[in-house]
Amino acid sequence: MERNIKFTRTAWDSRGGVTFLLDAGTGNSVTRLSGKVALITGGGTGIGRAIALAFAREGASVTVAGRRLEKLREVISEIQKHGGA
């Protein structure tokens, strides 16, 4: 069985080296924040909301905190609608 393996991205690691992420043809896209957890304060509006959505899009599990519950619920709903957690 031949697999179609290719490098999908490169990213700098914390030591200044290059990390190569692989897509082994599994149908799952490799994202920069896959397997990471992010806590976003002020995540209901403005920059916090944009960051929460961007981190979720990149594969992070996102937790949002803020003052207005309804705005936080809207962000959570949008993340879940696109398959995020």
PDB file of N, CA and C in Angstrom:
ATOM      1  N   MET A   1       0.840  -1.173   0.000  1.00  0.00           N
ATOM      2  CA  MET A   1       0.000   0.000   0.000  1.00  0.00           C
ATOM      3  C   MET A   1       0.888   1.240   0.000  1.00  0.00           C
ATOM      4  N   GLU A   2       0.755   2.037  -1.015  1.00  0.00           N
ATOM      5  CA  GLU A   2       1.556   3.240  -1.138  1.00  0.00           C
ATOM      6  C   GLU A   2       0.809   4.416  -0.528  1.00  0.00           C
ATOM      7  N   ARG A   3       1.505   5.187   0.310  1.00  0.00           N
ATOM      8  CA  ARG A   3       0.895   6.367   0.918  1.00  0.00           C
ATOM      9  C   ARG A   3       1.438   7.620   0.280  1.00  0.00           C
ATOM     10  N   ASN A   4       0.578   8.571   0.116  1.00  0.00           N
ATOM     11  CA  ASN A   4       0.961   9.846  -0.447  1.00  0.00           C
ATOM     12  C   ASN A   4       1.303  10.798   0.700  1.00  0.00           C
ATOM     13  N   ILE A   5       2.573  10.847   1.088  1.00  0.00           N
ATOM     14  CA  ILE A   5       2.998  11.679   2.217  1.00  0.00           C
ATOM     15  C   ILE A   5       3.679  12.924   1.682  1.00  0.00           C
ATOM     16  N   LYS A   6       3.304  14.068   2.227  1.00  0.00           N
ATOM     17  CA  LYS A   6       3.928  15.313   1.802  1.00  0.00           C
ATOM     18  C   LYS A   6       4.060  16.247   3.000  1.00  0.00           C
ATOM     19  N   PHE A   7       5.020  17.141   2.920  1.00  0.00           N
ATOM     20  CA  PHE A   7       5.156  18.172   3.934  1.00  0.00           C
ATOM     21  C   PHE A   7       4.122  19.241   3.647  1.00  0.00           C
ATOM     22  N   THR A   8       3.305  19.574   4.662  1.00  0.00           N
ATOM     23  CA  THR A   8       2.261  20.564   4.431  1.00  0.00           C
ATOM     24  C   THR A   8       2.647  21.950   4.917  1.00  0.00           C
ATOM     25  N   ARG A   9       3.475  22.039   5.948  1.00  0.00           N
ATOM     26  CA  ARG A   9       3.882  23.326   6.497  1.00  0.00           C
ATOM     27  C   ARG A   9       5.200  23.161   7.226  1.00  0.00           C
ATOM     28  N   THR A  10       5.817  24.280   7.432  1.00  0.00           N
ATOM     29  CA  THR A  10       6.938  24.300   8.362  1.00  0.00           C
ATOM     30  C   THR A  10       6.632  25.352   9.405  1.00  0.00           C
ATOM     31  N   ALA A  11       7.135  25.148  10.592  1.00  0.00           N
ATOM     32  CA  ALA A  11       6.914  26.108  11.673  1.00  0.00           C
ATOM     33  C   ALA A  11       8.166  26.169  12.518  1.00  0.00           C
ATOM     34  N   TRP A  12       8.438  27.304  13.099  1.00  0.00           N
ATOM     35  CA  TRP A  12       9.592  27.447  13.982  1.00  0.00           C
ATOM     36  C   TRP A  12       9.218  26.934  15.350  1.00  0.00           C
ATOM     37  N   ASP A  13      10.067  26.103  15.934  1.00  0.00           N
ATOM     38  CA  ASP A  13       9.796  25.652  17.295  1.00  0.00           C
ATOM     39  C   ASP A  13      10.428  26.620  18.290  1.00  0.00           C
ATOM     40  N   SER A  14      10.229  26.370  19.575  1.00  0.00           N
ATOM     41  CA  SER A  14      10.669  27.309  20.604  1.00  0.00           C
ATOM     42  C   SER A  14      12.191  27.424  20.701  1.00  0.00           C
ATOM     43  N   ARG A  15      12.913  26.478  20.136  1.00  0.00           N
ATOM     44  CA  ARG A  15      14.368  26.522  20.177  1.00  0.00           C
ATOM     45  C   ARG A  15      14.955  27.113  18.904  1.00  0.00           C
ATOM     46  N   GLY A  16      14.117  27.619  18.025  1.00  0.00           N
ATOM     47  CA  GLY A  16      14.601  28.238  16.803  1.00  0.00           C
ATOM     48  C   GLY A  16      14.800  27.277  15.645  1.00  0.00           C
ATOM     49  N   GLY A  17      14.450  26.016  15.836  1.00  0.00           N
ATOM     50  CA  GLY A  17      14.580  25.029  14.764  1.00  0.00           C
ATOM     51  C   GLY A  17      13.317  24.953  13.944  1.00  0.00           C
ATOM     52  N   VAL A  18      13.370  24.189  12.898  1.00  0.00           N
ATOM     53  CA  VAL A  18      12.211  24.043  12.019  1.00  0.00           C
ATOM     54  C   VAL A  18      11.522  22.720  12.325  1.00  0.00           C
ATOM     55  N   THR A  19      10.219  22.763  12.451  1.00  0.00           N
ATOM     56  CA  THR A  19       9.415  21.570  12.643  1.00  0.00           C
ATOM     57  C   THR A  19       8.626  21.340  11.364  1.00  0.00           C
ATOM     58  N   PHE A  20       8.632  20.121  10.857  1.00  0.00           N
ATOM     59  CA  PHE A  20       7.881  19.785   9.662  1.00  0.00           C
ATOM     60  C   PHE A  20       6.645  19.006  10.069  1.00  0.00           C
ATOM     61  N   LEU A  21       5.498  19.431   9.606  1.00  0.00           N
ATOM     62  CA  LEU A  21       4.246  18.740   9.884  1.00  0.00           C
ATOM     63  C   LEU A  21       3.875  17.930   8.657  1.00  0.00           C
ATOM     64  N   LEU A  22       3.450  16.714   8.879  1.00  0.00           N
ATOM     65  CA  LEU A  22       3.150  15.822   7.774  1.00  0.00           C
ATOM     66  C   LEU A  22       1.663  15.611   7.587  1.00  0.00           C
ATOM     67  N   ASP A  23       1.275  15.440   6.357  1.00  0.00           N
ATOM     68  CA  ASP A  23      -0.066  15.001   6.016  1.00  0.00           C
ATOM     69  C   ASP A  23       0.113  13.639   5.364  1.00  0.00           C
ATOM     70  N   ALA A  24      -0.253  12.593   6.087  1.00  0.00           N
ATOM     71  CA  ALA A  24      -0.014  11.238   5.596  1.00  0.00           C
ATOM     72  C   ALA A  24      -1.174  10.705   4.766  1.00  0.00           C
ATOM     73  N   GLY A  25      -1.938  11.593   4.146  1.00  0.00           N
ATOM     74  CA  GLY A  25      -3.032  11.145   3.310  1.00  0.00           C
ATOM     75  C   GLY A  25      -4.204  10.588   4.095  1.00  0.00           C
ATOM     76  N   THR A  26      -4.324  10.979   5.369  1.00  0.00           N
ATOM     77  CA  THR A  26      -5.391  10.446   6.211  1.00  0.00           C
ATOM     78  C   THR A  26      -6.697  11.188   6.031  1.00  0.00           C
ATOM     79  N   GLY A  27      -6.674  12.286   5.309  1.00  0.00           N
ATOM     80  CA  GLY A  27      -7.883  13.079   5.150  1.00  0.00           C
ATOM     81  C   GLY A  27      -8.019  14.138   6.224  1.00  0.00           C
ATOM     82  N   ASN A  28      -7.181  14.077   7.235  1.00  0.00           N
ATOM     83  CA  ASN A  28      -7.197  15.096   8.283  1.00  0.00           C
ATOM     84  C   ASN A  28      -6.175  16.167   7.955  1.00  0.00           C
ATOM     85  N   SER A  29      -6.580  17.410   8.005  1.00  0.00           N
ATOM     86  CA  SER A  29      -5.628  18.461   7.725  1.00  0.00           C
ATOM     87  C   SER A  29      -4.764  18.710   8.963  1.00  0.00           C
ATOM     88  N   VAL A  30      -3.524  19.026   8.731  1.00  0.00           N
ATOM     89  CA  VAL A  30      -2.587  19.326   9.810  1.00  0.00           C
ATOM     90  C   VAL A  30      -2.620  20.833  10.040  1.00  0.00           C
ATOM     91  N   THR A  31      -2.849  21.219  11.267  1.00  0.00           N
ATOM     92  CA  THR A  31      -2.904  22.637  11.575  1.00  0.00           C
ATOM     93  C   THR A  31      -1.864  22.985  12.620  1.00  0.00           C
ATOM     94  N   ARG A  32      -1.502  24.242  12.680  1.00  0.00           N
ATOM     95  CA  ARG A  32      -0.422  24.685  13.555  1.00  0.00           C
ATOM     96  C   ARG A  32      -0.714  24.501  15.035  1.00  0.00           C
ATOM     97  N   LEU A  33      -1.966  24.583  15.442  1.00  0.00           N
ATOM     98  CA  LEU A  33      -2.294  24.528  16.868  1.00  0.00           C
ATOM     99  C   LEU A  33      -3.012  23.239  17.263  1.00  0.00           C
ATOM    100  N   SER A  34      -2.974  22.256  16.407  1.00  0.00           N
ATOM    101  CA  SER A  34      -3.611  20.982  16.703  1.00  0.00           C
ATOM    102  C   SER A  34      -3.046  20.399  17.992  1.00  0.00           C
ATOM    103  N   GLY A  35      -3.945  19.981  18.898  1.00  0.00           N
ATOM    104  CA  GLY A  35      -3.520  19.404  20.162  1.00  0.00           C
ATOM    105  C   GLY A  35      -3.213  20.416  21.247  1.00  0.00           C
ATOM    106  N   LYS A  36      -3.349  21.693  20.951  1.00  0.00           N
ATOM    107  CA  LYS A  36      -3.085  22.753  21.928  1.00  0.00           C
ATOM    108  C   LYS A  36      -4.397  23.253  22.524  1.00  0.00           C
ATOM    109  N   VAL A  37      -4.309  23.842  23.712  1.00  0.00           N
ATOM    110  CA  VAL A  37      -5.466  24.432  24.383  1.00  0.00           C
ATOM    111  C   VAL A  37      -5.185  25.920  24.564  1.00  0.00           C
ATOM    112  N   ALA A  38      -6.173  26.755  24.235  1.00  0.00           N
ATOM    113  CA  ALA A  38      -6.017  28.201  24.367  1.00  0.00           C
ATOM    114  C   ALA A  38      -7.119  28.760  25.256  1.00  0.00           C
ATOM    115  N   LEU A  39      -6.752  29.616  26.192  1.00  0.00           N
ATOM    116  CA  LEU A  39      -7.706  30.359  27.014  1.00  0.00           C
ATOM    117  C   LEU A  39      -7.647  31.801  26.545  1.00  0.00           C
ATOM    118  N   ILE A  40      -8.745  32.281  25.981  1.00  0.00           N
ATOM    119  CA  ILE A  40      -8.799  33.627  25.428  1.00  0.00           C
ATOM    120  C   ILE A  40      -9.662  34.492  26.338  1.00  0.00           C
ATOM    121  N   THR A  41      -9.058  35.511  26.949  1.00  0.00           N
ATOM    122  CA  THR A  41      -9.837  36.452  27.759  1.00  0.00           C
ATOM    123  C   THR A  41     -10.344  37.556  26.841  1.00  0.00           C
ATOM    124  N   GLY A  42     -11.516  38.069  27.151  1.00  0.00           N
ATOM    125  CA  GLY A  42     -12.126  39.068  26.274  1.00  0.00           C
ATOM    126  C   GLY A  42     -12.543  38.442  24.954  1.00  0.00           C
ATOM    127  N   GLY A  43     -12.886  37.160  24.983  1.00  0.00           N
ATOM    128  CA  GLY A  43     -13.159  36.414  23.762  1.00  0.00           C
ATOM    129  C   GLY A  43     -14.521  36.635  23.149  1.00  0.00           C
ATOM    130  N   GLY A  44     -15.360  37.450  23.753  1.00  0.00           N
ATOM    131  CA  GLY A  44     -16.698  37.661  23.224  1.00  0.00           C
ATOM    132  C   GLY A  44     -16.791  38.702  22.130  1.00  0.00           C
ATOM    133  N   THR A  45     -15.853  39.635  22.103  1.00  0.00           N
ATOM    134  CA  THR A  45     -15.922  40.736  21.132  1.00  0.00           C
ATOM    135  C   THR A  45     -14.514  41.149  20.694  1.00  0.00           C
ATOM    136  N   GLY A  46     -14.468  41.913  19.637  1.00  0.00           N
ATOM    137  CA  GLY A  46     -13.234  42.562  19.195  1.00  0.00           C
ATOM    138  C   GLY A  46     -12.081  41.622  18.887  1.00  0.00           C
ATOM    139  N   ILE A  47     -10.898  42.036  19.323  1.00  0.00           N
ATOM    140  CA  ILE A  47      -9.685  41.271  19.046  1.00  0.00           C
ATOM    141  C   ILE A  47      -9.738  39.893  19.695  1.00  0.00           C
ATOM    142  N   GLY A  48     -10.260  39.808  20.920  1.00  0.00           N
ATOM    143  CA  GLY A  48     -10.369  38.516  21.597  1.00  0.00           C
ATOM    144  C   GLY A  48     -11.210  37.535  20.809  1.00  0.00           C
ATOM    145  N   ARG A  49     -12.318  38.015  20.264  1.00  0.00           N
ATOM    146  CA  ARG A  49     -13.184  37.160  19.442  1.00  0.00           C
ATOM    147  C   ARG A  49     -12.441  36.697  18.204  1.00  0.00           C
ATOM    148  N   ALA A  50     -11.767  37.609  17.536  1.00  0.00           N
ATOM    149  CA  ALA A  50     -11.025  37.265  16.320  1.00  0.00           C
ATOM    150  C   ALA A  50      -9.935  36.234  16.614  1.00  0.00           C
ATOM    151  N   ILE A  51      -9.244  36.406  17.737  1.00  0.00           N
ATOM    152  CA  ILE A  51      -8.193  35.461  18.104  1.00  0.00           C
ATOM    153  C   ILE A  51      -8.793  34.090  18.416  1.00  0.00           C
ATOM    154  N   ALA A  52      -9.898  34.065  19.152  1.00  0.00           N
ATOM    155  CA  ALA A  52     -10.550  32.795  19.484  1.00  0.00           C
ATOM    156  C   ALA A  52     -10.945  32.039  18.220  1.00  0.00           C
ATOM    157  N   LEU A  53     -11.527  32.737  17.269  1.00  0.00           N
ATOM    158  CA  LEU A  53     -11.939  32.100  16.017  1.00  0.00           C
ATOM    159  C   LEU A  53     -10.729  31.633  15.205  1.00  0.00           C
ATOM    160  N   ALA A  54      -9.678  32.439  15.170  1.00  0.00           N
ATOM    161  CA  ALA A  54      -8.471  32.069  14.418  1.00  0.00           C
ATOM    162  C   ALA A  54      -7.785  30.858  15.041  1.00  0.00           C
ATOM    163  N   PHE A  55      -7.667  30.839  16.374  1.00  0.00           N
ATOM    164  CA  PHE A  55      -7.040  29.707  17.049  1.00  0.00           C
ATOM    165  C   PHE A  55      -7.846  28.427  16.821  1.00  0.00           C
ATOM    166  N   ALA A  56      -9.167  28.538  16.888  1.00  0.00           N
ATOM    167  CA  ALA A  56     -10.015  27.362  16.649  1.00  0.00           C
ATOM    168  C   ALA A  56      -9.840  26.867  15.219  1.00  0.00           C
ATOM    169  N   ARG A  57      -9.765  27.793  14.277  1.00  0.00           N
ATOM    170  CA  ARG A  57      -9.580  27.435  12.867  1.00  0.00           C
ATOM    171  C   ARG A  57      -8.246  26.703  12.655  1.00  0.00           C
ATOM    172  N   GLU A  58      -7.256  27.041  13.472  1.00  0.00           N
ATOM    173  CA  GLU A  58      -5.941  26.404  13.375  1.00  0.00           C
ATOM    174  C   GLU A  58      -5.845  25.122  14.189  1.00  0.00           C
ATOM    175  N   GLY A  59      -6.962  24.683  14.799  1.00  0.00           N
ATOM    176  CA  GLY A  59      -6.991  23.384  15.443  1.00  0.00           C
ATOM    177  C   GLY A  59      -6.918  23.369  16.954  1.00  0.00           C
ATOM    178  N   ALA A  60      -6.795  24.522  17.602  1.00  0.00           N
ATOM    179  CA  ALA A  60      -6.717  24.559  19.067  1.00  0.00           C
ATOM    180  C   ALA A  60      -8.091  24.308  19.682  1.00  0.00           C
ATOM    181  N   SER A  61      -8.095  23.726  20.869  1.00  0.00           N
ATOM    182  CA  SER A  61      -9.301  23.682  21.684  1.00  0.00           C
ATOM    183  C   SER A  61      -9.350  25.016  22.404  1.00  0.00           C
ATOM    184  N   VAL A  62     -10.420  25.764  22.227  1.00  0.00           N
ATOM    185  CA  VAL A  62     -10.484  27.141  22.704  1.00  0.00           C
ATOM    186  C   VAL A  62     -11.477  27.282  23.848  1.00  0.00           C
ATOM    187  N   THR A  63     -11.049  27.987  24.896  1.00  0.00           N
ATOM    188  CA  THR A  63     -11.922  28.397  25.989  1.00  0.00           C
ATOM    189  C   THR A  63     -11.955  29.915  25.975  1.00  0.00           C
ATOM    190  N   VAL A  64     -13.151  30.486  26.014  1.00  0.00           N
ATOM    191  CA  VAL A  64     -13.269  31.947  26.014  1.00  0.00           C
ATOM    192  C   VAL A  64     -13.817  32.430  27.349  1.00  0.00           C
ATOM    193  N   ALA A  65     -13.332  33.567  27.775  1.00  0.00           N
ATOM    194  CA  ALA A  65     -13.803  34.197  29.012  1.00  0.00           C
ATOM    195  C   ALA A  65     -14.078  35.667  28.706  1.00  0.00           C
ATOM    196  N   GLY A  66     -15.044  36.226  29.410  1.00  0.00           N
ATOM    197  CA  GLY A  66     -15.368  37.635  29.200  1.00  0.00           C
ATOM    198  C   GLY A  66     -16.505  38.059  30.103  1.00  0.00           C
ATOM    199  N   ARG A  67     -16.940  39.302  29.941  1.00  0.00           N
ATOM    200  CA  ARG A  67     -17.959  39.863  30.824  1.00  0.00           C
ATOM    201  C   ARG A  67     -19.383  39.627  30.350  1.00  0.00           C
ATOM    202  N   ARG A  68     -19.589  39.490  29.050  1.00  0.00           N
ATOM    203  CA  ARG A  68     -20.955  39.368  28.520  1.00  0.00           C
ATOM    204  C   ARG A  68     -21.221  37.959  28.029  1.00  0.00           C
ATOM    205  N   LEU A  69     -22.021  37.232  28.807  1.00  0.00           N
ATOM    206  CA  LEU A  69     -22.295  35.826  28.544  1.00  0.00           C
ATOM    207  C   LEU A  69     -22.883  35.595  27.156  1.00  0.00           C
ATOM    208  N   GLU A  70     -23.800  36.429  26.725  1.00  0.00           N
ATOM    209  CA  GLU A  70     -24.441  36.237  25.428  1.00  0.00           C
ATOM    210  C   GLU A  70     -23.423  36.324  24.291  1.00  0.00           C
ATOM    211  N   LYS A  71     -22.491  37.257  24.361  1.00  0.00           N
ATOM    212  CA  LYS A  71     -21.450  37.385  23.333  1.00  0.00           C
ATOM    213  C   LYS A  71     -20.538  36.159  23.335  1.00  0.00           C
ATOM    214  N   LEU A  72     -20.226  35.644  24.519  1.00  0.00           N
ATOM    215  CA  LEU A  72     -19.392  34.442  24.617  1.00  0.00           C
ATOM    216  C   LEU A  72     -20.104  33.245  23.997  1.00  0.00           C
ATOM    217  N   ARG A  73     -21.403  33.139  24.257  1.00  0.00           N
ATOM    218  CA  ARG A  73     -22.181  32.036  23.677  1.00  0.00           C
ATOM    219  C   ARG A  73     -22.197  32.116  22.152  1.00  0.00           C
ATOM    220  N   GLU A  74     -22.241  33.321  21.607  1.00  0.00           N
ATOM    221  CA  GLU A  74     -22.221  33.488  20.150  1.00  0.00           C
ATOM    222  C   GLU A  74     -20.897  32.993  19.563  1.00  0.00           C
ATOM    223  N   VAL A  75     -19.794  33.319  20.219  1.00  0.00           N
ATOM    224  CA  VAL A  75     -18.480  32.876  19.746  1.00  0.00           C
ATOM    225  C   VAL A  75     -18.373  31.358  19.837  1.00  0.00           C
ATOM    226  N   ILE A  76     -18.803  30.798  20.959  1.00  0.00           N
ATOM    227  CA  ILE A  76     -18.761  29.342  21.139  1.00  0.00           C
ATOM    228  C   ILE A  76     -19.595  28.654  20.060  1.00  0.00           C
ATOM    229  N   SER A  77     -20.763  29.192  19.786  1.00  0.00           N
ATOM    230  CA  SER A  77     -21.635  28.622  18.767  1.00  0.00           C
ATOM    231  C   SER A  77     -20.965  28.663  17.390  1.00  0.00           C
ATOM    232  N   GLU A  78     -20.317  29.762  17.083  1.00  0.00           N
ATOM    233  CA  GLU A  78     -19.646  29.885  15.786  1.00  0.00           C
ATOM    234  C   GLU A  78     -18.481  28.896  15.665  1.00  0.00           C
ATOM    235  N   ILE A  79     -17.721  28.739  16.740  1.00  0.00           N
ATOM    236  CA  ILE A  79     -16.616  27.775  16.729  1.00  0.00           C
ATOM    237  C   ILE A  79     -17.151  26.362  16.533  1.00  0.00           C
ATOM    238  N   GLN A  80     -18.199  25.998  17.263  1.00  0.00           N
ATOM    239  CA  GLN A  80     -18.773  24.660  17.149  1.00  0.00           C
ATOM    240  C   GLN A  80     -19.402  24.425  15.780  1.00  0.00           C
ATOM    241  N   LYS A  81     -19.989  25.458  15.206  1.00  0.00           N
ATOM    242  CA  LYS A  81     -20.624  25.345  13.895  1.00  0.00           C
ATOM    243  C   LYS A  81     -19.602  24.942  12.822  1.00  0.00           C
ATOM    244  N   HIS A  82     -18.367  25.368  13.002  1.00  0.00           N
ATOM    245  CA  HIS A  82     -17.314  25.050  12.037  1.00  0.00           C
ATOM    246  C   HIS A  82     -16.496  23.837  12.466  1.00  0.00           C
ATOM    247  N   GLY A  83     -17.002  23.076  13.445  1.00  0.00           N
ATOM    248  CA  GLY A  83     -16.350  21.835  13.840  1.00  0.00           C
ATOM    249  C   GLY A  83     -15.286  21.971  14.903  1.00  0.00           C
ATOM    250  N   GLY A  84     -15.174  23.144  15.516  1.00  0.00           N
ATOM    251  CA  GLY A  84     -14.167  23.354  16.554  1.00  0.00           C
ATOM    252  C   GLY A  84     -14.648  22.888  17.911  1.00  0.00           C
ATOM    253  N   ALA A  85     -13.729  22.916  18.852  1.00  0.00           N
ATOM    254  CA  ALA A  85     -14.044  22.502  20.205  1.00  0.00           C
ATOM    255  C   ALA A  85     -13.649  23.578  21.189  1.00  0.00           C
TER     256      ALA A  85
END
